[in-house]
N, C-alpha and C. Protein backbone atom coordinates (compact mmCIF):
# COMPACT_ATOMS: atom_id res chain seq x y z
N MET A 1 1.24 8.43 -23.34
CA MET A 1 1.96 8.22 -22.31
C MET A 1 1.48 8.98 -20.94
N LEU A 2 1.19 8.39 -20.14
CA LEU A 2 0.91 8.65 -18.73
C LEU A 2 1.84 10.06 -18.28
N ASP A 3 1.05 10.74 -17.58
CA ASP A 3 2.10 11.92 -16.43
C ASP A 3 2.84 10.78 -15.51
N ALA A 4 4.13 11.03 -15.12
CA ALA A 4 5.03 10.63 -14.35
C ALA A 4 4.48 9.77 -13.19
N HIS A 5 3.94 10.91 -12.45
CA HIS A 5 3.22 10.66 -10.84
C HIS A 5 1.90 9.58 -11.34
N VAL A 6 1.18 9.86 -12.45
CA VAL A 6 0.22 8.80 -12.51
C VAL A 6 0.50 7.52 -12.70
N HIS A 7 1.70 7.41 -13.96
CA HIS A 7 2.19 5.92 -14.25
C HIS A 7 2.95 5.41 -12.99
N GLN A 8 3.57 6.23 -12.08
CA GLN A 8 4.23 5.41 -11.06
C GLN A 8 3.43 4.83 -9.96
N GLY A 9 2.16 6.11 -9.56
CA GLY A 9 0.82 5.30 -8.80
C GLY A 9 0.02 3.98 -9.32
N LYS A 10 0.20 4.12 -10.72
CA LYS A 10 -0.71 3.17 -11.20
C LYS A 10 0.29 1.65 -11.08
N PHE A 11 1.35 1.88 -11.48
CA PHE A 11 2.38 0.80 -11.22
C PHE A 11 2.15 0.25 -9.70
N GLY A 12 2.32 1.08 -8.72
CA GLY A 12 2.36 0.79 -7.49
C GLY A 12 1.02 -0.28 -6.91
N GLU A 13 0.13 0.57 -7.60
CA GLU A 13 -1.34 -0.35 -7.16
C GLU A 13 -1.15 -1.77 -8.16
N ASP A 14 -0.33 -1.77 -9.46
CA ASP A 14 -0.62 -3.16 -10.29
C ASP A 14 0.28 -3.74 -9.43
N TYR A 15 1.49 -3.26 -8.83
CA TYR A 15 2.53 -4.31 -8.02
C TYR A 15 1.78 -5.31 -7.00
N VAL A 16 0.85 -4.47 -6.07
CA VAL A 16 0.04 -5.03 -5.00
C VAL A 16 -0.69 -5.93 -5.87
N ARG A 17 -1.53 -5.79 -7.15
CA ARG A 17 -2.49 -6.65 -7.65
C ARG A 17 -2.03 -8.14 -7.95
N VAL A 18 -0.71 -7.97 -8.44
CA VAL A 18 0.29 -8.90 -8.84
C VAL A 18 0.35 -9.70 -7.65
N LEU A 19 1.06 -9.20 -6.46
CA LEU A 19 1.10 -10.06 -5.28
C LEU A 19 0.01 -10.80 -4.62
N ALA A 20 -1.52 -10.04 -5.05
CA ALA A 20 -2.34 -10.05 -4.34
C ALA A 20 -2.77 -11.52 -5.41
N SER A 21 -2.79 -11.55 -6.80
CA SER A 21 -3.02 -12.44 -7.65
C SER A 21 -2.43 -13.70 -7.11
N ALA A 22 -1.11 -13.68 -7.18
CA ALA A 22 -0.15 -14.93 -6.80
C ALA A 22 -0.48 -15.38 -5.25
N ALA A 23 -0.90 -14.82 -4.57
CA ALA A 23 -1.40 -15.21 -3.23
C ALA A 23 -2.83 -15.74 -3.28
N GLY A 24 -3.77 -15.93 -4.40
CA GLY A 24 -4.68 -16.19 -4.61
C GLY A 24 -5.71 -15.36 -3.77
N LEU A 25 -5.55 -14.41 -3.76
CA LEU A 25 -6.62 -13.19 -3.26
C LEU A 25 -7.60 -12.59 -4.06
N LEU A 26 -8.50 -11.63 -3.92
CA LEU A 26 -9.44 -11.18 -4.77
C LEU A 26 -9.00 -9.67 -4.47
N ILE A 27 -9.17 -8.95 -5.29
CA ILE A 27 -9.06 -7.50 -5.34
C ILE A 27 -10.32 -6.49 -5.87
N SER A 28 -10.61 -5.57 -4.87
CA SER A 28 -11.89 -4.86 -5.69
C SER A 28 -11.56 -3.48 -5.34
N GLN A 29 -12.15 -2.50 -6.02
CA GLN A 29 -11.51 -1.30 -6.12
C GLN A 29 -13.02 -0.41 -6.06
N ASP A 30 -13.46 0.64 -5.29
CA ASP A 30 -14.39 1.61 -5.30
C ASP A 30 -14.14 2.33 -6.69
N ASP A 31 -15.43 2.54 -7.01
CA ASP A 31 -15.31 3.71 -8.49
C ASP A 31 -14.86 5.20 -8.01
N VAL A 32 -14.90 5.45 -6.84
CA VAL A 32 -14.25 6.63 -6.54
C VAL A 32 -13.49 6.53 -5.13
N ASP A 33 -12.33 6.89 -4.94
CA ASP A 33 -11.47 6.88 -3.79
C ASP A 33 -12.02 8.19 -2.80
N TYR A 34 -13.09 7.82 -2.31
CA TYR A 34 -13.74 8.98 -1.47
C TYR A 34 -13.33 8.47 -0.14
N ASP A 35 -12.88 7.60 0.49
CA ASP A 35 -12.49 7.18 1.78
C ASP A 35 -11.24 6.64 2.04
N GLY A 36 -10.04 7.27 1.04
CA GLY A 36 -8.89 6.88 1.34
C GLY A 36 -8.18 5.33 1.06
N VAL A 37 -9.44 4.84 0.45
CA VAL A 37 -9.01 3.40 0.30
C VAL A 37 -8.90 3.18 -1.37
N ASP A 38 -7.62 2.86 -1.71
CA ASP A 38 -7.41 2.62 -2.85
C ASP A 38 -7.70 1.25 -3.47
N LEU A 39 -7.54 0.00 -2.54
CA LEU A 39 -7.85 -1.28 -2.94
C LEU A 39 -8.53 -2.18 -1.79
N THR A 40 -9.22 -2.87 -2.06
CA THR A 40 -9.86 -3.79 -0.71
C THR A 40 -9.20 -5.40 -1.37
N ILE A 41 -8.82 -6.01 -0.53
CA ILE A 41 -8.13 -7.29 -0.60
C ILE A 41 -8.77 -8.28 0.13
N LYS A 42 -9.41 -9.07 -0.67
CA LYS A 42 -10.00 -10.61 0.62
C LYS A 42 -9.63 -11.69 0.15
N MET A 43 -9.79 -12.68 1.28
CA MET A 43 -9.62 -13.97 1.15
C MET A 43 -10.84 -14.61 0.75
N HIS A 44 -11.14 -15.34 -0.43
CA HIS A 44 -12.46 -16.01 -0.41
C HIS A 44 -12.33 -17.31 0.29
N THR A 45 -13.62 -17.56 1.19
CA THR A 45 -13.45 -18.77 1.95
C THR A 45 -14.94 -19.72 1.57
N ALA A 46 -15.06 -20.92 2.09
CA ALA A 46 -16.18 -21.49 1.68
C ALA A 46 -17.35 -21.16 2.85
N THR A 47 -16.90 -20.52 3.57
CA THR A 47 -17.79 -20.26 4.63
C THR A 47 -18.71 -19.06 4.18
N GLY A 48 -18.42 -18.37 3.31
CA GLY A 48 -19.26 -17.18 2.92
C GLY A 48 -18.49 -15.62 3.12
N TRP A 49 -17.76 -16.21 4.57
CA TRP A 49 -17.21 -15.14 5.25
C TRP A 49 -15.89 -14.77 4.67
N SER A 50 -15.38 -13.47 4.10
CA SER A 50 -14.03 -13.15 3.43
C SER A 50 -13.36 -12.37 4.29
N PRO A 51 -12.35 -12.59 4.76
CA PRO A 51 -11.65 -11.91 5.77
C PRO A 51 -11.15 -10.58 4.60
N ARG A 52 -10.93 -9.57 5.18
CA ARG A 52 -10.13 -8.80 3.96
C ARG A 52 -9.58 -7.41 5.07
N ILE A 53 -8.78 -6.64 4.00
CA ILE A 53 -8.02 -5.44 4.42
C ILE A 53 -8.30 -4.42 3.41
N GLU A 54 -8.12 -3.39 3.77
CA GLU A 54 -8.44 -2.30 2.99
C GLU A 54 -6.65 -1.33 2.72
N VAL A 55 -6.72 -1.12 1.87
CA VAL A 55 -5.10 -0.24 1.79
C VAL A 55 -5.31 1.13 1.14
N GLN A 56 -4.23 1.57 1.38
CA GLN A 56 -3.99 2.99 0.54
C GLN A 56 -2.39 2.64 -0.14
N VAL A 57 -2.40 2.53 -1.34
CA VAL A 57 -1.16 2.44 -2.24
C VAL A 57 -0.49 3.83 -2.35
N LYS A 58 0.67 3.75 -1.93
CA LYS A 58 1.60 5.33 -2.13
C LYS A 58 3.16 4.61 -2.71
N THR A 59 3.66 5.29 -3.42
CA THR A 59 4.98 5.05 -4.17
C THR A 59 6.15 6.03 -3.91
N THR A 60 6.97 6.02 -3.93
CA THR A 60 8.11 6.89 -4.12
C THR A 60 9.25 6.40 -4.91
N SER A 61 9.95 7.03 -5.69
CA SER A 61 11.25 6.54 -6.26
C SER A 61 12.58 7.39 -5.49
N ARG A 62 12.37 8.10 -4.35
CA ARG A 62 13.50 8.50 -3.52
C ARG A 62 13.07 8.22 -2.13
N PRO A 63 13.33 6.99 -1.64
CA PRO A 63 12.78 6.78 -0.50
C PRO A 63 14.03 7.28 0.80
N LYS A 64 13.30 7.71 1.89
CA LYS A 64 14.20 8.42 3.00
C LYS A 64 14.54 7.14 4.13
N ARG A 65 15.48 6.54 3.79
CA ARG A 65 15.88 5.54 4.76
C ARG A 65 16.33 5.79 6.27
N ARG A 66 15.82 5.53 7.33
CA ARG A 66 16.62 6.16 8.49
C ARG A 66 16.43 4.75 9.43
N ALA A 67 17.75 4.17 9.94
CA ALA A 67 17.91 2.93 10.50
C ALA A 67 17.08 1.66 9.91
N ALA A 68 16.08 1.39 10.55
CA ALA A 68 15.65 0.30 10.19
C ALA A 68 13.91 0.57 9.66
N ALA A 69 13.95 1.85 9.01
CA ALA A 69 12.41 2.08 8.50
C ALA A 69 12.57 3.19 7.61
N PHE A 70 11.75 3.61 6.99
CA PHE A 70 11.57 4.53 5.82
C PHE A 70 10.89 5.64 6.52
N ASP A 71 11.08 6.93 6.13
CA ASP A 71 10.47 8.04 6.77
C ASP A 71 9.62 8.53 5.47
N PHE A 72 8.46 8.24 5.35
CA PHE A 72 7.50 8.57 4.40
C PHE A 72 6.96 9.93 4.84
N ASP A 73 6.85 11.01 3.82
CA ASP A 73 5.96 12.34 4.21
C ASP A 73 5.05 12.29 3.21
N GLY A 74 4.59 11.28 2.28
CA GLY A 74 3.54 11.55 1.57
C GLY A 74 2.32 11.69 1.70
N LEU A 75 1.79 11.74 3.14
CA LEU A 75 0.14 11.69 3.46
C LEU A 75 0.20 12.98 4.08
N ASN A 76 -0.91 13.49 3.59
CA ASN A 76 -1.43 14.90 4.21
C ASN A 76 -2.49 14.54 5.40
N GLN A 77 -2.53 15.33 6.36
CA GLN A 77 -3.38 14.88 7.49
C GLN A 77 -4.65 14.19 7.35
N SER A 78 -5.36 14.95 6.34
CA SER A 78 -6.66 14.27 6.02
C SER A 78 -6.56 12.65 5.49
N GLN A 79 -5.08 12.59 4.95
CA GLN A 79 -5.27 11.14 4.33
C GLN A 79 -4.40 10.44 5.25
N PHE A 80 -3.97 10.82 6.28
CA PHE A 80 -3.57 10.24 7.43
C PHE A 80 -4.58 9.95 8.23
N ASN A 81 -5.82 10.40 8.61
CA ASN A 81 -6.78 10.04 9.21
C ASN A 81 -7.77 9.22 8.74
N LYS A 82 -7.43 8.74 7.52
CA LYS A 82 -8.34 7.93 6.87
C LYS A 82 -7.79 6.35 6.83
N LEU A 83 -6.40 6.52 7.53
CA LEU A 83 -5.89 5.32 7.85
C LEU A 83 -5.52 4.88 9.40
N ALA A 84 -5.62 6.06 10.15
CA ALA A 84 -4.87 6.06 11.56
C ALA A 84 -6.10 5.89 12.75
N GLY A 85 -5.87 5.29 13.84
CA GLY A 85 -6.68 5.08 14.73
C GLY A 85 -7.46 3.59 14.73
N PRO A 86 -8.39 3.10 15.65
CA PRO A 86 -8.85 2.06 16.09
C PRO A 86 -10.16 2.14 15.58
N GLU A 87 -10.89 3.02 14.86
CA GLU A 87 -12.37 2.79 14.72
C GLU A 87 -12.80 2.33 13.65
N PHE A 88 -11.78 1.75 12.75
CA PHE A 88 -12.23 0.92 11.51
C PHE A 88 -12.71 -0.17 11.85
N LEU A 89 -13.72 -0.76 10.93
CA LEU A 89 -14.18 -2.19 11.06
C LEU A 89 -13.48 -2.97 10.27
N VAL A 90 -12.66 -2.32 9.12
CA VAL A 90 -11.97 -3.52 8.33
C VAL A 90 -10.71 -2.78 8.49
N HIS A 91 -9.48 -3.51 8.75
CA HIS A 91 -8.17 -3.08 9.19
C HIS A 91 -7.79 -2.23 7.94
N ARG A 92 -7.09 -1.44 8.28
CA ARG A 92 -6.55 -0.57 7.38
C ARG A 92 -4.84 -0.72 7.00
N TYR A 93 -4.34 -0.38 5.69
CA TYR A 93 -2.94 -0.46 5.88
C TYR A 93 -2.50 0.74 4.96
N LEU A 94 -0.95 1.22 4.95
CA LEU A 94 -0.57 1.98 4.34
C LEU A 94 0.27 0.88 3.53
N PHE A 95 0.46 0.83 2.16
CA PHE A 95 1.45 0.36 1.32
C PHE A 95 2.50 0.97 0.59
N LEU A 96 3.59 0.96 1.06
CA LEU A 96 4.46 1.86 0.43
C LEU A 96 5.31 1.07 -0.63
N VAL A 97 5.30 1.62 -1.84
CA VAL A 97 5.72 0.57 -3.08
C VAL A 97 6.88 1.54 -3.37
N ILE A 98 8.41 1.06 -3.10
CA ILE A 98 9.54 1.78 -3.55
C ILE A 98 9.72 1.39 -5.20
N VAL A 99 9.71 2.20 -5.84
CA VAL A 99 10.06 2.18 -7.46
C VAL A 99 11.40 2.95 -7.99
N PRO A 100 11.98 2.14 -9.01
CA PRO A 100 12.89 2.91 -9.63
C PRO A 100 12.74 4.18 -10.29
N THR A 101 13.72 5.08 -10.32
CA THR A 101 13.52 6.40 -10.57
C THR A 101 13.12 6.65 -12.27
N LYS A 102 13.66 5.73 -12.92
CA LYS A 102 13.56 5.41 -14.43
C LYS A 102 12.18 4.36 -14.72
N THR A 103 11.21 4.79 -15.37
CA THR A 103 9.97 4.15 -15.45
C THR A 103 10.24 2.90 -16.48
N ASP A 104 11.36 3.08 -17.35
CA ASP A 104 11.37 1.67 -18.02
C ASP A 104 12.22 0.56 -17.19
N GLU A 105 12.23 0.84 -15.84
CA GLU A 105 13.14 -0.01 -15.21
C GLU A 105 11.98 -0.48 -14.24
N TYR A 106 10.88 -0.51 -14.16
CA TYR A 106 10.04 -0.81 -13.41
C TYR A 106 9.51 -2.50 -13.63
N ALA A 107 9.66 -2.88 -14.69
CA ALA A 107 9.46 -4.40 -14.95
C ALA A 107 10.77 -4.90 -15.96
N ALA A 108 11.23 -6.25 -15.71
CA ALA A 108 12.30 -6.57 -16.65
C ALA A 108 11.71 -8.41 -16.96
N LEU A 109 11.70 -8.59 -18.24
CA LEU A 109 11.75 -9.99 -18.46
C LEU A 109 13.21 -10.71 -18.88
N ASN A 110 13.27 -11.93 -18.31
CA ASN A 110 14.34 -12.56 -18.87
C ASN A 110 13.81 -14.14 -18.92
N THR A 111 14.46 -14.87 -19.13
CA THR A 111 14.26 -16.28 -19.59
C THR A 111 13.87 -17.06 -18.15
N THR A 112 13.99 -16.51 -16.79
CA THR A 112 13.56 -16.82 -15.63
C THR A 112 12.20 -16.23 -15.28
N GLY A 113 11.49 -15.59 -15.77
CA GLY A 113 10.53 -14.70 -15.61
C GLY A 113 10.30 -13.34 -15.44
N LEU A 114 9.45 -12.79 -14.85
CA LEU A 114 8.96 -11.33 -15.09
C LEU A 114 9.41 -10.86 -13.36
N LEU A 115 10.40 -9.81 -13.59
CA LEU A 115 10.81 -9.22 -12.25
C LEU A 115 9.98 -7.89 -12.17
N LEU A 116 9.34 -7.28 -11.06
CA LEU A 116 8.75 -6.11 -10.86
C LEU A 116 9.98 -5.80 -9.88
N ARG A 117 10.00 -4.45 -9.96
CA ARG A 117 10.89 -3.64 -9.23
C ARG A 117 10.27 -2.43 -8.97
N ASP A 118 10.47 -2.01 -7.11
CA ASP A 118 11.60 -2.89 -6.41
C ASP A 118 10.71 -3.40 -5.51
N VAL A 119 10.48 -2.90 -4.26
CA VAL A 119 9.84 -3.59 -3.16
C VAL A 119 8.61 -2.63 -2.62
N GLY A 120 7.71 -3.66 -2.06
CA GLY A 120 6.76 -2.91 -1.54
C GLY A 120 6.74 -3.39 0.14
N TYR A 121 6.47 -2.00 0.98
CA TYR A 121 6.34 -2.68 2.46
C TYR A 121 4.80 -2.06 2.96
N TYR A 122 4.42 -2.39 4.22
CA TYR A 122 3.31 -2.35 4.90
C TYR A 122 3.44 -1.73 6.26
N VAL A 123 2.67 -0.79 6.64
CA VAL A 123 2.19 -0.50 8.14
C VAL A 123 0.97 -0.16 8.29
N SER A 124 0.74 -0.65 9.62
CA SER A 124 -0.80 -0.14 10.18
C SER A 124 -0.59 1.04 11.02
N LEU A 125 -1.66 1.97 11.09
CA LEU A 125 -1.40 3.17 11.48
C LEU A 125 -2.59 3.26 12.60
N ARG A 126 -3.11 1.97 12.97
CA ARG A 126 -4.25 1.82 14.00
C ARG A 126 -3.78 2.30 15.37
N ASP A 127 -2.67 2.34 15.39
CA ASP A 127 -2.27 2.71 16.94
C ASP A 127 -2.01 4.26 16.88
N ARG A 128 -1.95 5.02 15.88
CA ARG A 128 -1.72 6.32 15.88
C ARG A 128 -2.89 7.16 16.21
N THR A 129 -2.97 7.99 16.43
CA THR A 129 -4.03 8.93 16.82
C THR A 129 -4.42 10.12 15.60
N PRO A 130 -5.53 9.99 15.05
CA PRO A 130 -5.99 10.82 14.09
C PRO A 130 -5.91 12.52 14.58
N PHE A 131 -5.85 13.05 13.47
CA PHE A 131 -5.80 14.60 13.87
C PHE A 131 -7.01 15.24 13.98
N GLU A 132 -7.53 15.93 15.01
CA GLU A 132 -8.61 16.16 15.37
C GLU A 132 -9.21 17.21 14.09
N GLU A 133 -8.66 18.09 13.83
CA GLU A 133 -9.21 19.13 12.55
C GLU A 133 -7.80 18.88 11.56
N PRO A 134 -7.94 17.81 10.81
CA PRO A 134 -6.50 17.90 9.84
C PRO A 134 -6.74 18.82 8.46
N ASP A 135 -5.66 19.04 8.58
CA ASP A 135 -5.20 20.14 7.38
C ASP A 135 -4.67 19.36 6.09
N LYS A 136 -5.21 19.39 5.22
CA LYS A 136 -4.77 18.77 3.87
C LYS A 136 -3.55 19.45 3.30
N SER A 137 -3.22 20.86 3.81
CA SER A 137 -2.12 21.34 3.23
C SER A 137 -0.59 21.00 4.22
N ARG A 138 -0.75 20.16 5.41
CA ARG A 138 0.20 20.03 6.22
C ARG A 138 0.33 18.09 6.06
N HIS A 139 1.53 17.83 6.25
CA HIS A 139 2.12 16.49 5.74
C HIS A 139 2.25 15.67 7.21
N VAL A 140 2.34 14.64 6.87
CA VAL A 140 2.42 13.77 8.68
C VAL A 140 3.64 12.61 8.00
N ARG A 141 4.54 12.83 8.75
CA ARG A 141 5.73 11.61 8.51
C ARG A 141 5.34 10.31 9.26
N VAL A 142 5.47 9.27 8.47
CA VAL A 142 5.21 8.03 8.88
C VAL A 142 6.38 7.29 8.91
N SER A 143 6.63 6.46 9.68
CA SER A 143 7.97 5.53 9.94
C SER A 143 7.42 4.12 9.21
N VAL A 144 8.01 3.70 8.01
CA VAL A 144 7.46 2.37 7.66
C VAL A 144 8.68 1.53 7.64
N PRO A 145 8.62 0.34 8.62
CA PRO A 145 9.47 -0.40 8.92
C PRO A 145 9.85 -1.28 7.67
N THR A 146 11.15 -1.37 7.57
CA THR A 146 11.85 -2.04 6.28
C THR A 146 11.73 -3.86 6.52
N ALA A 147 11.76 -3.88 7.59
CA ALA A 147 11.17 -5.36 8.15
C ALA A 147 9.74 -5.86 7.59
N ASN A 148 9.13 -4.95 7.33
CA ASN A 148 7.62 -5.08 6.71
C ASN A 148 7.37 -5.27 5.52
N VAL A 149 8.13 -6.27 4.61
CA VAL A 149 8.12 -6.43 3.46
C VAL A 149 6.73 -7.18 2.60
N LEU A 150 6.11 -6.48 1.95
CA LEU A 150 5.03 -7.05 1.29
C LEU A 150 5.20 -8.26 0.30
N THR A 151 4.83 -9.30 0.58
CA THR A 151 5.31 -10.64 0.21
C THR A 151 3.73 -11.25 -0.19
N VAL A 152 3.90 -12.55 -1.29
CA VAL A 152 2.48 -13.43 -1.06
C VAL A 152 2.00 -13.75 0.35
N THR A 153 3.43 -14.22 1.29
CA THR A 153 2.59 -14.82 2.37
C THR A 153 2.36 -13.83 3.70
N THR A 154 3.16 -12.26 3.33
CA THR A 154 2.52 -11.37 4.41
C THR A 154 1.30 -10.69 4.06
N LEU A 155 1.04 -10.93 2.83
CA LEU A 155 -0.13 -10.40 2.36
C LEU A 155 -1.45 -10.96 3.16
N ARG A 156 -1.21 -12.87 2.68
CA ARG A 156 -2.32 -13.47 3.21
C ARG A 156 -2.07 -13.47 4.99
N GLN A 157 -0.92 -13.02 5.36
CA GLN A 157 -1.21 -13.17 6.98
C GLN A 157 -1.89 -11.68 7.22
N LEU A 158 -1.76 -10.65 6.88
CA LEU A 158 -2.34 -9.35 7.05
C LEU A 158 -3.95 -9.35 7.06
N ILE A 159 -4.24 -10.17 6.02
CA ILE A 159 -5.70 -10.61 5.85
C ILE A 159 -6.11 -11.70 6.83
N ASP A 160 -5.51 -12.46 7.40
CA ASP A 160 -5.98 -13.72 8.17
C ASP A 160 -5.60 -13.31 9.47
N GLY A 161 -4.78 -12.25 9.68
CA GLY A 161 -4.46 -11.80 11.22
C GLY A 161 -5.43 -11.38 11.80
């Protein structure tokens, strides 16, 4: 059995992989998470140029909802800097997957299909200013809009955008 945090994180990445697969997109992953990117998601094209995005996937089973957004405190300043600002050649996103508190509720199978719980959201930090001297011991609050639901359609739009 996996450690609870590892299990939750793995499920979050697999949730994104399932959506990407359903969208007909390709996923790749670096052998080491050195630059804050968990997954690269790209669209195959006949021209040979494949538009792509890079994502950091985070999960929570206890979301803090405020108005029309989740307040996510799970990034330290160093992790935040690997997503923030306009300097990245490939657009980067934070994907936040809300998961059930009980791992046996992550997925359910019935006669109509497989249900993955709960829901994924996305936010770009391109407009946020990185920290000049990031401190790994200090966390940053990121507001993730509840309207930014991660779906097959929105995933394609993020890449095509």
